[in-house]
């Protein structure tokens, strides 16, 4: 019987405010910025996210043996989900 091992490269999280989210992961949790792209767009990205015309900022952070990808959409604009907790 074959054994299948699975692993993941990173977790992706959509955020409202990139600067605030990066500050939390970096300053409060001790993650380091691996790379960051502002205003990212183009057909390959739009195909991955399934949103034609998408424009976003993306930041990859690393810490504690894992990576977290934060992304903030500029187009399409996100919906307000109500008051923050």
Protein backbone atom coordinates (compact mmCIF):
# COMPACT_ATOMS: atom_id res chain seq x y z
CA UNK A 1 0.00 0.00 0.00
CA UNK A 2 1.40 3.38 -1.02
CA UNK A 3 1.66 6.12 1.56
CA UNK A 4 0.78 9.62 0.41
CA UNK A 5 2.47 12.47 2.21
CA UNK A 6 1.00 15.93 1.84
CA UNK A 7 2.47 19.26 2.78
CA UNK A 8 1.60 22.86 2.14
CA UNK A 9 3.83 25.76 1.21
CA UNK A 10 1.85 28.58 2.82
CA UNK A 11 -1.49 29.82 4.09
CA UNK A 12 -3.17 32.74 2.31
CA UNK A 13 -5.20 35.35 4.19
CA UNK A 14 -7.18 38.23 2.67
CA UNK A 15 -6.81 41.42 4.72
CA UNK A 16 -8.46 44.86 4.74
CA UNK A 17 -5.33 46.81 5.65
CA UNK A 18 -1.96 45.43 4.54
CA UNK A 19 0.14 47.74 6.70
CA UNK A 20 -1.83 46.85 9.82
CA UNK A 21 -1.72 43.12 9.08
CA UNK A 22 2.01 43.11 8.33
CA UNK A 23 2.71 45.06 11.52
CA UNK A 24 0.77 42.46 13.53
CA UNK A 25 2.55 39.44 12.04
CA UNK A 26 5.97 41.11 12.10
CA UNK A 27 5.92 43.07 15.36
CA UNK A 28 3.55 41.06 17.56
CA UNK A 29 4.23 37.54 16.28
CA UNK A 30 7.84 37.87 15.11
CA UNK A 31 7.41 36.90 11.44
CA UNK A 32 9.85 38.23 8.81
CA UNK A 33 8.91 39.63 5.41
CA UNK A 34 10.14 37.35 2.61
CA UNK A 35 8.86 39.51 -0.24
CA UNK A 36 6.17 42.07 -1.01
CA UNK A 37 4.49 43.24 -4.23
CA UNK A 38 2.26 46.31 -4.53
CA UNK A 39 -0.33 46.70 -7.27
CA UNK A 40 0.14 43.17 -8.58
CA UNK A 41 -2.03 42.33 -11.59
CA UNK A 42 -1.91 40.47 -14.88
CA UNK A 43 -3.48 37.46 -16.53
CA UNK A 44 -1.61 34.77 -14.56
CA UNK A 45 -2.67 36.30 -11.22
CA UNK A 46 -6.21 36.87 -12.44
CA UNK A 47 -6.41 33.21 -13.51
CA UNK A 48 -5.20 31.99 -10.12
CA UNK A 49 -7.70 34.06 -8.14
CA UNK A 50 -10.48 33.70 -10.72
CA UNK A 51 -11.18 37.44 -10.87
CA UNK A 52 -10.66 39.23 -14.19
CA UNK A 53 -9.05 42.64 -13.66
CA UNK A 54 -7.89 41.83 -10.12
CA UNK A 55 -5.28 44.17 -8.61
CA UNK A 56 -3.79 43.45 -5.19
CA UNK A 57 -0.91 43.93 -2.80
CA UNK A 58 0.72 40.69 -1.68
CA UNK A 59 3.18 40.11 1.18
CA UNK A 60 4.77 36.77 2.08
CA UNK A 61 5.92 36.39 5.67
CA UNK A 62 7.84 33.57 7.33
CA UNK A 63 8.12 32.45 10.93
CA UNK A 64 8.00 29.39 13.16
CA UNK A 65 8.64 27.06 10.22
CA UNK A 66 5.69 28.30 8.18
CA UNK A 67 4.76 30.98 5.64
CA UNK A 68 1.75 33.28 5.58
CA UNK A 69 0.71 35.12 2.42
CA UNK A 70 -1.31 38.28 3.07
CA UNK A 71 -3.21 39.81 0.20
CA UNK A 72 -5.27 42.97 -0.04
CA UNK A 73 -7.52 43.44 -3.06
CA UNK A 74 -7.79 46.89 -4.61
CA UNK A 75 -9.86 45.64 -7.57
CA UNK A 76 -12.40 44.27 -7.03
CA UNK A 77 -13.06 46.29 -3.93
CA UNK A 78 -14.06 44.09 -1.01
CA UNK A 79 -17.38 44.19 0.77
CA UNK A 80 -17.59 45.57 4.27
CA UNK A 81 -18.37 42.66 6.58
CA UNK A 82 -19.52 44.88 9.43
CA UNK A 83 -17.82 46.06 12.54
CA UNK A 84 -14.47 44.53 13.42
CA UNK A 85 -14.20 42.50 16.58
